[in-house]
Structures are given as C-alpha cells and as structure tokens.
Amino acid sequence: MRKPAGFALYEPGQYVSHPSCPDWGIGQIQSVDGARVTVNFENRGKVLVNTERVLLTVEA
C-alpha cells in the first residue's frame, strides 16, 4: 500500500513550525505514526498534529 507523499516529509528529530500558530515557536518532532506527528513546541509543549489537515513547515 502506498502512503501519500506528505507522510514521508517528517522524521523524528526534525525541527518544524506550525503555519497557523507561529506563537508556538519552533518544535522538534518526537514521533511519526502515519499522518499523526507528535511535536514538542518551545512555547506550547507537546502537540499531536494531523498532517492530513496541516502541513508543518520544516525549519533549516
């Protein structure tokens, strides 16, 4: 079974930001389970993001 391309974009350890919530700051991906990505944001803490609804921005 093929996975949508968006799922392969994220890996644990990557730094990302949430496009709709810039005040959360930069977050580090803790885990990836299909479309569910757990991110620990510097100003928000751990958040479970559904990447079928939100495309996180990978930070360099």
PDB file of N, CA and C in Angstrom:
ATOM      1  N   MET A   1       0.843  -1.189   0.000  1.00  0.00           N
ATOM      2  CA  MET A   1       0.000   0.000   0.000  1.00  0.00           C
ATOM      3  C   MET A   1       0.885   1.248   0.000  1.00  0.00           C
ATOM      4  N   ARG A   2       0.611   2.163  -0.898  1.00  0.00           N
ATOM      5  CA  ARG A   2       1.376   3.405  -0.976  1.00  0.00           C
ATOM      6  C   ARG A   2       0.893   4.391   0.065  1.00  0.00           C
ATOM      7  N   LYS A   3       1.832   5.128   0.624  1.00  0.00           N
ATOM      8  CA  LYS A   3       1.493   6.203   1.551  1.00  0.00           C
ATOM      9  C   LYS A   3       1.499   7.512   0.778  1.00  0.00           C
ATOM     10  N   PRO A   4       0.624   8.454   1.130  1.00  0.00           N
ATOM     11  CA  PRO A   4       0.687   9.769   0.495  1.00  0.00           C
ATOM     12  C   PRO A   4       2.060  10.392   0.711  1.00  0.00           C
ATOM     13  N   ALA A   5       2.494  11.173  -0.240  1.00  0.00           N
ATOM     14  CA  ALA A   5       3.835  11.758  -0.194  1.00  0.00           C
ATOM     15  C   ALA A   5       4.071  12.575   1.063  1.00  0.00           C
ATOM     16  N   GLY A   6       3.048  13.238   1.581  1.00  0.00           N
ATOM     17  CA  GLY A   6       3.201  14.088   2.758  1.00  0.00           C
ATOM     18  C   GLY A   6       3.700  13.350   3.976  1.00  0.00           C
ATOM     19  N   PHE A   7       3.391  12.056   4.087  1.00  0.00           N
ATOM     20  CA  PHE A   7       3.794  11.296   5.256  1.00  0.00           C
ATOM     21  C   PHE A   7       5.308  11.146   5.324  1.00  0.00           C
ATOM     22  N   ALA A   8       5.967  11.079   4.184  1.00  0.00           N
ATOM     23  CA  ALA A   8       7.411  10.868   4.153  1.00  0.00           C
ATOM     24  C   ALA A   8       8.195  12.145   4.450  1.00  0.00           C
ATOM     25  N   LEU A   9       7.521  13.268   4.544  1.00  0.00           N
ATOM     26  CA  LEU A   9       8.197  14.542   4.759  1.00  0.00           C
ATOM     27  C   LEU A   9       8.767  14.690   6.159  1.00  0.00           C
ATOM     28  N   TYR A  10       8.202  13.984   7.128  1.00  0.00           N
ATOM     29  CA  TYR A  10       8.538  14.224   8.524  1.00  0.00           C
ATOM     30  C   TYR A  10       9.241  13.032   9.149  1.00  0.00           C
ATOM     31  N   GLU A  11      10.271  13.332   9.946  1.00  0.00           N
ATOM     32  CA  GLU A  11      11.038  12.308  10.651  1.00  0.00           C
ATOM     33  C   GLU A  11      11.329  12.806  12.060  1.00  0.00           C
ATOM     34  N   PRO A  12      11.383  11.896  13.038  1.00  0.00           N
ATOM     35  CA  PRO A  12      11.756  12.311  14.389  1.00  0.00           C
ATOM     36  C   PRO A  12      13.092  13.051  14.379  1.00  0.00           C
ATOM     37  N   GLY A  13      13.150  14.100  15.177  1.00  0.00           N
ATOM     38  CA  GLY A  13      14.367  14.906  15.262  1.00  0.00           C
ATOM     39  C   GLY A  13      14.330  16.166  14.423  1.00  0.00           C
ATOM     40  N   GLN A  14      13.469  16.207  13.410  1.00  0.00           N
ATOM     41  CA  GLN A  14      13.365  17.404  12.570  1.00  0.00           C
ATOM     42  C   GLN A  14      12.755  18.552  13.369  1.00  0.00           C
ATOM     43  N   TYR A  15      13.125  19.766  12.977  1.00  0.00           N
ATOM     44  CA  TYR A  15      12.541  20.965  13.570  1.00  0.00           C
ATOM     45  C   TYR A  15      11.516  21.537  12.608  1.00  0.00           C
ATOM     46  N   VAL A  16      10.343  21.879  13.149  1.00  0.00           N
ATOM     47  CA  VAL A  16       9.233  22.354  12.328  1.00  0.00           C
ATOM     48  C   VAL A  16       8.533  23.515  13.017  1.00  0.00           C
ATOM     49  N   SER A  17       7.706  24.216  12.246  1.00  0.00           N
ATOM     50  CA  SER A  17       6.814  25.228  12.807  1.00  0.00           C
ATOM     51  C   SER A  17       5.415  24.974  12.260  1.00  0.00           C
ATOM     52  N   HIS A  18       4.422  25.453  13.006  1.00  0.00           N
ATOM     53  CA  HIS A  18       3.016  25.291  12.617  1.00  0.00           C
ATOM     54  C   HIS A  18       2.601  26.573  11.904  1.00  0.00           C
ATOM     55  N   PRO A  19       2.180  26.505  10.640  1.00  0.00           N
ATOM     56  CA  PRO A  19       1.884  27.717   9.873  1.00  0.00           C
ATOM     57  C   PRO A  19       0.754  28.569  10.448  1.00  0.00           C
ATOM     58  N   SER A  20      -0.182  27.969  11.157  1.00  0.00           N
ATOM     59  CA  SER A  20      -1.312  28.719  11.718  1.00  0.00           C
ATOM     60  C   SER A  20      -1.053  29.206  13.137  1.00  0.00           C
ATOM     61  N   CYS A  21       0.026  28.736  13.747  1.00  0.00           N
ATOM     62  CA  CYS A  21       0.308  29.067  15.153  1.00  0.00           C
ATOM     63  C   CYS A  21       1.772  29.460  15.333  1.00  0.00           C
ATOM     64  N   PRO A  22       2.209  30.562  14.732  1.00  0.00           N
ATOM     65  CA  PRO A  22       3.621  30.937  14.832  1.00  0.00           C
ATOM     66  C   PRO A  22       4.060  31.235  16.264  1.00  0.00           C
ATOM     67  N   ASP A  23       3.114  31.585  17.133  1.00  0.00           N
ATOM     68  CA  ASP A  23       3.451  31.875  18.526  1.00  0.00           C
ATOM     69  C   ASP A  23       3.883  30.626  19.297  1.00  0.00           C
ATOM     70  N   TRP A  24       3.642  29.444  18.757  1.00  0.00           N
ATOM     71  CA  TRP A  24       4.098  28.204  19.395  1.00  0.00           C
ATOM     72  C   TRP A  24       5.606  28.062  19.291  1.00  0.00           C
ATOM     73  N   GLY A  25       6.227  28.778  18.365  1.00  0.00           N
ATOM     74  CA  GLY A  25       7.670  28.704  18.166  1.00  0.00           C
ATOM     75  C   GLY A  25       8.071  27.482  17.359  1.00  0.00           C
ATOM     76  N   ILE A  26       9.348  27.170  17.422  1.00  0.00           N
ATOM     77  CA  ILE A  26       9.895  26.018  16.707  1.00  0.00           C
ATOM     78  C   ILE A  26       9.671  24.777  17.564  1.00  0.00           C
ATOM     79  N   GLY A  27       9.349  23.682  16.888  1.00  0.00           N
ATOM     80  CA  GLY A  27       9.151  22.428  17.601  1.00  0.00           C
ATOM     81  C   GLY A  27      10.003  21.325  17.018  1.00  0.00           C
ATOM     82  N   GLN A  28      10.308  20.345  17.851  1.00  0.00           N
ATOM     83  CA  GLN A  28      11.060  19.180  17.388  1.00  0.00           C
ATOM     84  C   GLN A  28      10.116  17.988  17.321  1.00  0.00           C
ATOM     85  N   ILE A  29      10.143  17.295  16.190  1.00  0.00           N
ATOM     86  CA  ILE A  29       9.296  16.115  16.015  1.00  0.00           C
ATOM     87  C   ILE A  29       9.789  15.010  16.938  1.00  0.00           C
ATOM     88  N   GLN A  30       8.857  14.482  17.744  1.00  0.00           N
ATOM     89  CA  GLN A  30       9.168  13.405  18.679  1.00  0.00           C
ATOM     90  C   GLN A  30       8.886  12.038  18.064  1.00  0.00           C
ATOM     91  N   SER A  31       7.747  11.941  17.342  1.00  0.00           N
ATOM     92  CA  SER A  31       7.379  10.660  16.731  1.00  0.00           C
ATOM     93  C   SER A  31       6.468  10.895  15.541  1.00  0.00           C
ATOM     94  N   VAL A  32       6.447   9.900  14.649  1.00  0.00           N
ATOM     95  CA  VAL A  32       5.595   9.932  13.462  1.00  0.00           C
ATOM     96  C   VAL A  32       4.880   8.594  13.376  1.00  0.00           C
ATOM     97  N   ASP A  33       3.538   8.648  13.299  1.00  0.00           N
ATOM     98  CA  ASP A  33       2.721   7.441  13.160  1.00  0.00           C
ATOM     99  C   ASP A  33       1.721   7.707  12.044  1.00  0.00           C
ATOM    100  N   GLY A  34       2.127   7.396  10.808  1.00  0.00           N
ATOM    101  CA  GLY A  34       1.275   7.702   9.660  1.00  0.00           C
ATOM    102  C   GLY A  34       1.136   9.208   9.518  1.00  0.00           C
ATOM    103  N   ALA A  35      -0.103   9.690   9.544  1.00  0.00           N
ATOM    104  CA  ALA A  35      -0.366  11.124   9.410  1.00  0.00           C
ATOM    105  C   ALA A  35      -0.269  11.850  10.745  1.00  0.00           C
ATOM    106  N   ARG A  36      -0.100  11.112  11.845  1.00  0.00           N
ATOM    107  CA  ARG A  36      -0.032  11.728  13.175  1.00  0.00           C
ATOM    108  C   ARG A  36       1.417  11.985  13.562  1.00  0.00           C
ATOM    109  N   VAL A  37       1.715  13.260  13.801  1.00  0.00           N
ATOM    110  CA  VAL A  37       3.070  13.670  14.139  1.00  0.00           C
ATOM    111  C   VAL A  37       3.030  14.354  15.505  1.00  0.00           C
ATOM    112  N   THR A  38       3.814  13.851  16.450  1.00  0.00           N
ATOM    113  CA  THR A  38       3.905  14.477  17.766  1.00  0.00           C
ATOM    114  C   THR A  38       5.087  15.427  17.758  1.00  0.00           C
ATOM    115  N   VAL A  39       4.796  16.700  18.095  1.00  0.00           N
ATOM    116  CA  VAL A  39       5.815  17.743  18.060  1.00  0.00           C
ATOM    117  C   VAL A  39       5.887  18.410  19.430  1.00  0.00           C
ATOM    118  N   ASN A  40       7.095  18.645  19.922  1.00  0.00           N
ATOM    119  CA  ASN A  40       7.302  19.362  21.172  1.00  0.00           C
ATOM    120  C   ASN A  40       7.701  20.798  20.825  1.00  0.00           C
ATOM    121  N   PHE A  41       6.715  21.724  20.896  1.00  0.00           N
ATOM    122  CA  PHE A  41       6.951  23.128  20.560  1.00  0.00           C
ATOM    123  C   PHE A  41       7.510  23.871  21.768  1.00  0.00           C
ATOM    124  N   GLU A  42       8.417  24.826  21.504  1.00  0.00           N
ATOM    125  CA  GLU A  42       9.087  25.541  22.583  1.00  0.00           C
ATOM    126  C   GLU A  42       8.133  26.365  23.447  1.00  0.00           C
ATOM    127  N   ASN A  43       7.055  26.907  22.893  1.00  0.00           N
ATOM    128  CA  ASN A  43       6.138  27.747  23.664  1.00  0.00           C
ATOM    129  C   ASN A  43       4.772  27.118  23.895  1.00  0.00           C
ATOM    130  N   ARG A  44       4.603  25.860  23.508  1.00  0.00           N
ATOM    131  CA  ARG A  44       3.297  25.204  23.636  1.00  0.00           C
ATOM    132  C   ARG A  44       3.393  23.822  24.279  1.00  0.00           C
ATOM    133  N   GLY A  45       4.538  23.183  24.149  1.00  0.00           N
ATOM    134  CA  GLY A  45       4.688  21.820  24.654  1.00  0.00           C
ATOM    135  C   GLY A  45       4.329  20.809  23.577  1.00  0.00           C
ATOM    136  N   LYS A  46       4.012  19.587  24.015  1.00  0.00           N
ATOM    137  CA  LYS A  46       3.730  18.517  23.054  1.00  0.00           C
ATOM    138  C   LYS A  46       2.345  18.666  22.448  1.00  0.00           C
ATOM    139  N   VAL A  47       2.303  18.545  21.120  1.00  0.00           N
ATOM    140  CA  VAL A  47       1.061  18.659  20.354  1.00  0.00           C
ATOM    141  C   VAL A  47       1.035  17.527  19.331  1.00  0.00           C
ATOM    142  N   LEU A  48      -0.113  16.879  19.217  1.00  0.00           N
ATOM    143  CA  LEU A  48      -0.317  15.859  18.189  1.00  0.00           C
ATOM    144  C   LEU A  48      -0.929  16.550  16.977  1.00  0.00           C
ATOM    145  N   VAL A  49      -0.229  16.523  15.852  1.00  0.00           N
ATOM    146  CA  VAL A  49      -0.654  17.216  14.634  1.00  0.00           C
ATOM    147  C   VAL A  49      -1.071  16.182  13.593  1.00  0.00           C
ATOM    148  N   ASN A  50      -2.246  16.383  13.020  1.00  0.00           N
ATOM    149  CA  ASN A  50      -2.726  15.539  11.923  1.00  0.00           C
ATOM    150  C   ASN A  50      -2.251  16.178  10.626  1.00  0.00           C
ATOM    151  N   THR A  51      -1.267  15.570   9.985  1.00  0.00           N
ATOM    152  CA  THR A  51      -0.691  16.170   8.784  1.00  0.00           C
ATOM    153  C   THR A  51      -1.562  15.985   7.544  1.00  0.00           C
ATOM    154  N   GLU A  52      -2.709  15.335   7.706  1.00  0.00           N
ATOM    155  CA  GLU A  52      -3.687  15.333   6.613  1.00  0.00           C
ATOM    156  C   GLU A  52      -4.423  16.667   6.580  1.00  0.00           C
ATOM    157  N   ARG A  53      -4.382  17.404   7.687  1.00  0.00           N
ATOM    158  CA  ARG A  53      -5.074  18.688   7.784  1.00  0.00           C
ATOM    159  C   ARG A  53      -4.114  19.872   7.816  1.00  0.00           C
ATOM    160  N   VAL A  54      -2.909  19.666   8.341  1.00  0.00           N
ATOM    161  CA  VAL A  54      -1.936  20.749   8.495  1.00  0.00           C
ATOM    162  C   VAL A  54      -0.590  20.295   7.948  1.00  0.00           C
ATOM    163  N   LEU A  55       0.001  21.087   7.080  1.00  0.00           N
ATOM    164  CA  LEU A  55       1.359  20.810   6.609  1.00  0.00           C
ATOM    165  C   LEU A  55       2.326  21.653   7.430  1.00  0.00           C
ATOM    166  N   LEU A  56       3.123  20.989   8.230  1.00  0.00           N
ATOM    167  CA  LEU A  56       4.111  21.679   9.042  1.00  0.00           C
ATOM    168  C   LEU A  56       5.238  22.188   8.146  1.00  0.00           C
ATOM    169  N   THR A  57       5.848  23.292   8.557  1.00  0.00           N
ATOM    170  CA  THR A  57       6.969  23.863   7.821  1.00  0.00           C
ATOM    171  C   THR A  57       8.263  23.341   8.425  1.00  0.00           C
ATOM    172  N   VAL A  58       9.074  22.668   7.626  1.00  0.00           N
ATOM    173  CA  VAL A  58      10.361  22.160   8.102  1.00  0.00           C
ATOM    174  C   VAL A  58      11.337  23.326   8.155  1.00  0.00           C
ATOM    175  N   GLU A  59      11.977  23.492   9.319  1.00  0.00           N
ATOM    176  CA  GLU A  59      12.936  24.581   9.525  1.00  0.00           C
ATOM    177  C   GLU A  59      14.348  24.062   9.266  1.00  0.00           C
ATOM    178  N   ALA A  60      15.180  24.915   8.693  1.00  0.00           N
ATOM    179  CA  ALA A  60      16.563  24.514   8.378  1.00  0.00           C
ATOM    180  C   ALA A  60      17.425  24.465   9.614  1.00  0.00           C
TER     181      ALA A  60
END
